[in-house]
Amino acid sequence: MPLSEIDKYIKSFPKTTQILLQEVRTYILNAAPAAEEIISYKMPAYRQNGILVYFAGYANHIGFYPGAAAIKKFGKQISGYKNAKGSVQFPLDKPLPLALITSIVKFRIKEILEKKKLKK
């Protein structure tokens, strides 16, 4: 079976980072099984009625990009991580907050559906 674009992206990192990226990917897909995996802005992204989240590997962290509303909503939970308006950095040398990633993805699904309803 040929590698997907996401598989190729993950394989481009050192082995220990690959494992972490794959964990993030698995938890996103478990939280959003109907989401489509794509590459957008040169990083993995998940689309379901709109972009849910992006993630990316870096030398010292994994960047997770759920948008400004999610960062605001989960501000207390992500306060121990470096974060900005629409992003959070999970250091490679600490356990990933996988339950938090799941909660954020589920929040994004609801948020996008609410916005869609308001447009109708």
N, C-alpha and C. Protein backbone atom coordinates (compact mmCIF):
# COMPACT_ATOMS: atom_id res chain seq x y z
N MET A 1 0.85 -1.18 0.00
CA MET A 1 0.00 0.00 0.00
C MET A 1 0.89 1.25 0.00
N PRO A 2 0.64 2.18 -0.90
CA PRO A 2 1.49 3.39 -0.95
C PRO A 2 1.27 4.27 0.28
N LEU A 3 2.32 4.97 0.68
CA LEU A 3 2.24 5.87 1.83
C LEU A 3 1.38 7.08 1.49
N SER A 4 0.55 7.49 2.43
CA SER A 4 -0.22 8.72 2.24
C SER A 4 0.70 9.92 2.44
N GLU A 5 0.21 11.09 2.10
CA GLU A 5 1.00 12.32 2.30
C GLU A 5 1.31 12.52 3.79
N ILE A 6 0.36 12.15 4.64
CA ILE A 6 0.57 12.29 6.09
C ILE A 6 1.67 11.32 6.55
N ASP A 7 1.62 10.07 6.04
CA ASP A 7 2.66 9.08 6.38
C ASP A 7 4.04 9.60 5.97
N LYS A 8 4.13 10.15 4.76
CA LYS A 8 5.40 10.68 4.27
C LYS A 8 5.88 11.83 5.16
N TYR A 9 4.95 12.70 5.54
CA TYR A 9 5.29 13.81 6.42
C TYR A 9 5.89 13.29 7.73
N ILE A 10 5.19 12.36 8.37
CA ILE A 10 5.64 11.81 9.65
C ILE A 10 6.99 11.11 9.50
N LYS A 11 7.18 10.36 8.43
CA LYS A 11 8.44 9.62 8.21
C LYS A 11 9.63 10.55 8.01
N SER A 12 9.39 11.82 7.73
CA SER A 12 10.49 12.76 7.51
C SER A 12 11.15 13.23 8.81
N PHE A 13 10.63 12.79 9.96
CA PHE A 13 11.15 13.20 11.27
C PHE A 13 11.95 12.08 11.92
N PRO A 14 12.79 12.42 12.92
CA PRO A 14 13.50 11.38 13.68
C PRO A 14 12.49 10.41 14.31
N LYS A 15 12.94 9.19 14.55
CA LYS A 15 12.06 8.11 15.01
C LYS A 15 11.24 8.50 16.25
N THR A 16 11.88 9.11 17.25
CA THR A 16 11.14 9.45 18.47
C THR A 16 10.04 10.48 18.19
N THR A 17 10.31 11.42 17.30
CA THR A 17 9.30 12.41 16.92
C THR A 17 8.20 11.75 16.10
N GLN A 18 8.57 10.81 15.24
CA GLN A 18 7.57 10.08 14.44
C GLN A 18 6.53 9.42 15.35
N ILE A 19 7.00 8.81 16.43
CA ILE A 19 6.10 8.13 17.35
C ILE A 19 5.10 9.12 17.96
N LEU A 20 5.59 10.27 18.36
CA LEU A 20 4.71 11.29 18.95
C LEU A 20 3.73 11.84 17.92
N LEU A 21 4.22 12.11 16.72
CA LEU A 21 3.34 12.61 15.66
C LEU A 21 2.24 11.59 15.35
N GLN A 22 2.62 10.33 15.31
CA GLN A 22 1.64 9.28 15.03
C GLN A 22 0.60 9.20 16.14
N GLU A 23 1.03 9.41 17.39
CA GLU A 23 0.08 9.42 18.51
C GLU A 23 -0.92 10.56 18.35
N VAL A 24 -0.43 11.75 18.03
CA VAL A 24 -1.32 12.90 17.81
C VAL A 24 -2.31 12.56 16.71
N ARG A 25 -1.82 12.03 15.61
CA ARG A 25 -2.66 11.66 14.48
C ARG A 25 -3.75 10.67 14.91
N THR A 26 -3.36 9.64 15.64
CA THR A 26 -4.31 8.61 16.08
C THR A 26 -5.40 9.21 16.96
N TYR A 27 -5.01 10.06 17.89
CA TYR A 27 -6.01 10.65 18.79
C TYR A 27 -6.93 11.61 18.06
N ILE A 28 -6.41 12.35 17.09
CA ILE A 28 -7.27 13.22 16.29
C ILE A 28 -8.30 12.37 15.53
N LEU A 29 -7.82 11.31 14.88
CA LEU A 29 -8.74 10.47 14.11
C LEU A 29 -9.74 9.74 14.99
N ASN A 30 -9.34 9.35 16.19
CA ASN A 30 -10.29 8.72 17.11
C ASN A 30 -11.37 9.71 17.55
N ALA A 31 -10.99 10.97 17.73
CA ALA A 31 -11.94 12.00 18.15
C ALA A 31 -12.83 12.45 16.98
N ALA A 32 -12.30 12.33 15.77
CA ALA A 32 -13.03 12.79 14.57
C ALA A 32 -12.92 11.74 13.47
N PRO A 33 -13.57 10.58 13.67
CA PRO A 33 -13.41 9.49 12.69
C PRO A 33 -13.90 9.82 11.28
N ALA A 34 -14.76 10.81 11.14
CA ALA A 34 -15.26 11.19 9.82
C ALA A 34 -14.37 12.23 9.13
N ALA A 35 -13.35 12.70 9.84
CA ALA A 35 -12.48 13.75 9.28
C ALA A 35 -11.61 13.20 8.15
N GLU A 36 -11.37 14.06 7.20
CA GLU A 36 -10.49 13.74 6.07
C GLU A 36 -9.09 14.26 6.38
N GLU A 37 -8.09 13.41 6.16
CA GLU A 37 -6.71 13.83 6.36
C GLU A 37 -6.19 14.49 5.09
N ILE A 38 -5.63 15.67 5.24
CA ILE A 38 -5.06 16.39 4.10
C ILE A 38 -3.75 17.04 4.54
N ILE A 39 -3.00 17.52 3.57
CA ILE A 39 -1.85 18.38 3.85
C ILE A 39 -2.28 19.79 3.45
N SER A 40 -2.15 20.72 4.38
CA SER A 40 -2.49 22.11 4.13
C SER A 40 -1.43 22.96 4.82
N TYR A 41 -0.97 23.99 4.16
CA TYR A 41 0.13 24.80 4.68
C TYR A 41 1.34 23.92 5.02
N LYS A 42 1.56 22.88 4.23
CA LYS A 42 2.68 21.94 4.36
C LYS A 42 2.68 21.17 5.68
N MET A 43 1.50 21.01 6.30
CA MET A 43 1.40 20.21 7.52
C MET A 43 0.10 19.40 7.51
N PRO A 44 0.05 18.32 8.30
CA PRO A 44 -1.17 17.53 8.38
C PRO A 44 -2.33 18.38 8.91
N ALA A 45 -3.48 18.19 8.27
CA ALA A 45 -4.69 18.90 8.69
C ALA A 45 -5.86 17.92 8.61
N TYR A 46 -6.91 18.24 9.34
CA TYR A 46 -8.09 17.38 9.41
C TYR A 46 -9.30 18.23 9.10
N ARG A 47 -10.06 17.76 8.08
CA ARG A 47 -11.19 18.54 7.58
C ARG A 47 -12.49 17.76 7.79
N GLN A 48 -13.45 18.45 8.38
CA GLN A 48 -14.80 17.90 8.57
C GLN A 48 -15.73 19.10 8.65
N ASN A 49 -16.38 19.42 7.56
CA ASN A 49 -17.20 20.63 7.44
C ASN A 49 -16.35 21.90 7.57
N GLY A 50 -15.07 21.77 7.43
CA GLY A 50 -14.10 22.85 7.59
C GLY A 50 -12.87 22.26 8.27
N ILE A 51 -11.80 23.04 8.35
CA ILE A 51 -10.58 22.53 8.98
C ILE A 51 -10.78 22.47 10.49
N LEU A 52 -10.54 21.29 11.05
CA LEU A 52 -10.64 21.11 12.51
C LEU A 52 -9.36 21.56 13.18
N VAL A 53 -8.25 20.91 12.83
CA VAL A 53 -6.96 21.19 13.45
C VAL A 53 -5.84 20.88 12.46
N TYR A 54 -4.69 21.44 12.74
CA TYR A 54 -3.43 21.12 12.07
C TYR A 54 -2.46 20.66 13.15
N PHE A 55 -1.44 19.92 12.74
CA PHE A 55 -0.32 19.68 13.65
C PHE A 55 0.96 19.63 12.83
N ALA A 56 2.09 19.83 13.51
CA ALA A 56 3.36 19.85 12.81
C ALA A 56 4.50 19.49 13.76
N GLY A 57 5.51 18.85 13.21
CA GLY A 57 6.68 18.50 13.99
C GLY A 57 7.76 19.56 13.85
N TYR A 58 8.48 19.78 14.93
CA TYR A 58 9.61 20.71 14.96
C TYR A 58 10.74 20.07 15.75
N ALA A 59 11.86 20.73 15.82
CA ALA A 59 13.04 20.17 16.49
C ALA A 59 12.79 19.87 17.97
N ASN A 60 12.05 20.75 18.65
CA ASN A 60 11.87 20.60 20.10
C ASN A 60 10.42 20.45 20.57
N HIS A 61 9.48 20.54 19.63
CA HIS A 61 8.07 20.46 20.04
C HIS A 61 7.19 19.98 18.89
N ILE A 62 5.95 19.70 19.24
CA ILE A 62 4.91 19.45 18.24
C ILE A 62 3.97 20.64 18.32
N GLY A 63 3.77 21.28 17.19
CA GLY A 63 2.83 22.39 17.12
C GLY A 63 1.44 21.84 16.88
N PHE A 64 0.47 22.35 17.59
CA PHE A 64 -0.93 21.94 17.44
C PHE A 64 -1.73 23.20 17.22
N TYR A 65 -2.52 23.24 16.16
CA TYR A 65 -3.17 24.46 15.70
C TYR A 65 -4.68 24.28 15.61
N PRO A 66 -5.40 24.51 16.72
CA PRO A 66 -6.85 24.34 16.70
C PRO A 66 -7.63 25.64 16.50
N GLY A 67 -6.95 26.75 16.37
CA GLY A 67 -7.63 28.03 16.19
C GLY A 67 -7.81 28.78 17.51
N ALA A 68 -8.14 30.04 17.37
CA ALA A 68 -8.20 30.96 18.52
C ALA A 68 -9.28 30.59 19.53
N ALA A 69 -10.46 30.20 19.08
CA ALA A 69 -11.55 29.89 20.02
C ALA A 69 -11.20 28.70 20.91
N ALA A 70 -10.57 27.69 20.33
CA ALA A 70 -10.18 26.51 21.11
C ALA A 70 -9.08 26.87 22.12
N ILE A 71 -8.14 27.69 21.71
CA ILE A 71 -7.07 28.11 22.62
C ILE A 71 -7.68 28.88 23.80
N LYS A 72 -8.65 29.74 23.51
CA LYS A 72 -9.31 30.50 24.57
C LYS A 72 -10.10 29.57 25.49
N LYS A 73 -10.88 28.67 24.90
CA LYS A 73 -11.72 27.75 25.68
C LYS A 73 -10.89 26.84 26.60
N PHE A 74 -9.75 26.36 26.10
CA PHE A 74 -8.92 25.44 26.87
C PHE A 74 -7.71 26.13 27.49
N GLY A 75 -7.81 27.44 27.68
CA GLY A 75 -6.70 28.24 28.19
C GLY A 75 -6.08 27.72 29.48
N LYS A 76 -6.94 27.30 30.41
CA LYS A 76 -6.44 26.81 31.70
C LYS A 76 -5.63 25.53 31.50
N GLN A 77 -6.14 24.60 30.67
CA GLN A 77 -5.47 23.33 30.44
C GLN A 77 -4.15 23.47 29.68
N ILE A 78 -4.06 24.48 28.83
CA ILE A 78 -2.82 24.64 28.04
C ILE A 78 -1.87 25.67 28.64
N SER A 79 -2.23 26.22 29.80
CA SER A 79 -1.41 27.29 30.38
C SER A 79 0.01 26.85 30.69
N GLY A 80 0.24 25.56 30.87
CA GLY A 80 1.59 25.07 31.14
C GLY A 80 2.45 24.88 29.91
N TYR A 81 1.86 25.16 28.75
CA TYR A 81 2.58 25.02 27.47
C TYR A 81 2.72 26.38 26.81
N LYS A 82 3.76 26.53 26.02
CA LYS A 82 3.91 27.75 25.23
C LYS A 82 2.75 27.79 24.25
N ASN A 83 2.03 28.91 24.21
CA ASN A 83 0.89 29.00 23.30
C ASN A 83 0.73 30.42 22.78
N ALA A 84 -0.04 30.53 21.73
CA ALA A 84 -0.32 31.83 21.11
C ALA A 84 -1.80 31.84 20.74
N LYS A 85 -2.22 32.82 20.00
CA LYS A 85 -3.64 33.02 19.69
C LYS A 85 -4.32 31.76 19.14
N GLY A 86 -3.68 31.04 18.24
CA GLY A 86 -4.33 29.88 17.64
C GLY A 86 -3.52 28.60 17.72
N SER A 87 -2.49 28.60 18.58
CA SER A 87 -1.59 27.44 18.60
C SER A 87 -1.08 27.13 20.00
N VAL A 88 -0.59 25.90 20.12
CA VAL A 88 0.05 25.48 21.37
C VAL A 88 1.23 24.58 21.00
N GLN A 89 2.28 24.63 21.79
CA GLN A 89 3.47 23.82 21.55
C GLN A 89 3.59 22.77 22.65
N PHE A 90 3.65 21.49 22.22
CA PHE A 90 3.85 20.40 23.16
C PHE A 90 5.31 19.95 23.05
N PRO A 91 6.11 20.14 24.12
CA PRO A 91 7.53 19.78 24.06
C PRO A 91 7.72 18.29 23.80
N LEU A 92 8.76 17.95 23.06
CA LEU A 92 9.04 16.55 22.73
C LEU A 92 9.48 15.74 23.94
N ASP A 93 9.99 16.41 24.96
CA ASP A 93 10.53 15.70 26.12
C ASP A 93 9.52 15.53 27.26
N LYS A 94 8.25 15.83 27.00
CA LYS A 94 7.20 15.65 28.01
C LYS A 94 6.07 14.81 27.40
N PRO A 95 5.32 14.08 28.24
CA PRO A 95 4.21 13.29 27.69
C PRO A 95 3.19 14.19 26.98
N LEU A 96 2.66 13.70 25.87
CA LEU A 96 1.64 14.45 25.15
C LEU A 96 0.33 14.45 25.94
N PRO A 97 -0.39 15.58 25.96
CA PRO A 97 -1.69 15.62 26.64
C PRO A 97 -2.78 15.08 25.70
N LEU A 98 -2.80 13.76 25.53
CA LEU A 98 -3.66 13.15 24.51
C LEU A 98 -5.15 13.35 24.81
N ALA A 99 -5.54 13.29 26.07
CA ALA A 99 -6.95 13.53 26.41
C ALA A 99 -7.34 14.97 26.07
N LEU A 100 -6.43 15.90 26.29
CA LEU A 100 -6.68 17.31 25.95
C LEU A 100 -6.82 17.47 24.44
N ILE A 101 -5.95 16.82 23.67
CA ILE A 101 -6.05 16.88 22.21
C ILE A 101 -7.41 16.36 21.76
N THR A 102 -7.86 15.25 22.34
CA THR A 102 -9.17 14.69 22.02
C THR A 102 -10.27 15.70 22.32
N SER A 103 -10.23 16.31 23.49
CA SER A 103 -11.25 17.29 23.89
C SER A 103 -11.28 18.49 22.94
N ILE A 104 -10.11 18.95 22.55
CA ILE A 104 -10.03 20.11 21.65
C ILE A 104 -10.61 19.76 20.29
N VAL A 105 -10.28 18.58 19.77
CA VAL A 105 -10.82 18.17 18.46
C VAL A 105 -12.34 18.08 18.52
N LYS A 106 -12.87 17.48 19.57
CA LYS A 106 -14.33 17.37 19.71
C LYS A 106 -14.98 18.75 19.83
N PHE A 107 -14.31 19.66 20.54
CA PHE A 107 -14.80 21.04 20.63
C PHE A 107 -14.84 21.67 19.24
N ARG A 108 -13.79 21.46 18.45
CA ARG A 108 -13.74 22.05 17.11
C ARG A 108 -14.85 21.50 16.21
N ILE A 109 -15.17 20.22 16.32
CA ILE A 109 -16.27 19.65 15.53
C ILE A 109 -17.56 20.40 15.86
N LYS A 110 -17.85 20.56 17.16
CA LYS A 110 -19.06 21.26 17.59
C LYS A 110 -19.05 22.72 17.13
N GLU A 111 -17.89 23.36 17.29
CA GLU A 111 -17.77 24.78 16.93
C GLU A 111 -18.07 24.99 15.44
N ILE A 112 -17.52 24.14 14.61
CA ILE A 112 -17.74 24.28 13.16
C ILE A 112 -19.21 24.01 12.80
N LEU A 113 -19.81 23.00 13.44
CA LEU A 113 -21.23 22.72 13.19
C LEU A 113 -22.11 23.89 13.62
N GLU A 114 -21.79 24.50 14.75
CA GLU A 114 -22.56 25.67 15.22
C GLU A 114 -22.45 26.82 14.22
N LYS A 115 -21.25 27.08 13.74
CA LYS A 115 -21.07 28.16 12.77
C LYS A 115 -21.85 27.88 11.49
N LYS A 116 -21.86 26.61 11.10
CA LYS A 116 -22.59 26.20 9.89
C LYS A 116 -24.10 26.44 10.07
N LYS A 117 -24.62 26.09 11.25
CA LYS A 117 -26.04 26.29 11.55
C LYS A 117 -26.40 27.76 11.51
N LEU A 118 -25.52 28.61 12.05
CA LEU A 118 -25.78 30.05 12.09
C LEU A 118 -25.83 30.66 10.68
N LYS A 119 -25.07 30.07 9.75
CA LYS A 119 -25.04 30.59 8.39
C LYS A 119 -26.33 30.28 7.63
N LYS A 120 -27.03 29.24 8.07
CA LYS A 120 -28.25 28.83 7.35
C LYS A 120 -29.44 29.72 7.65
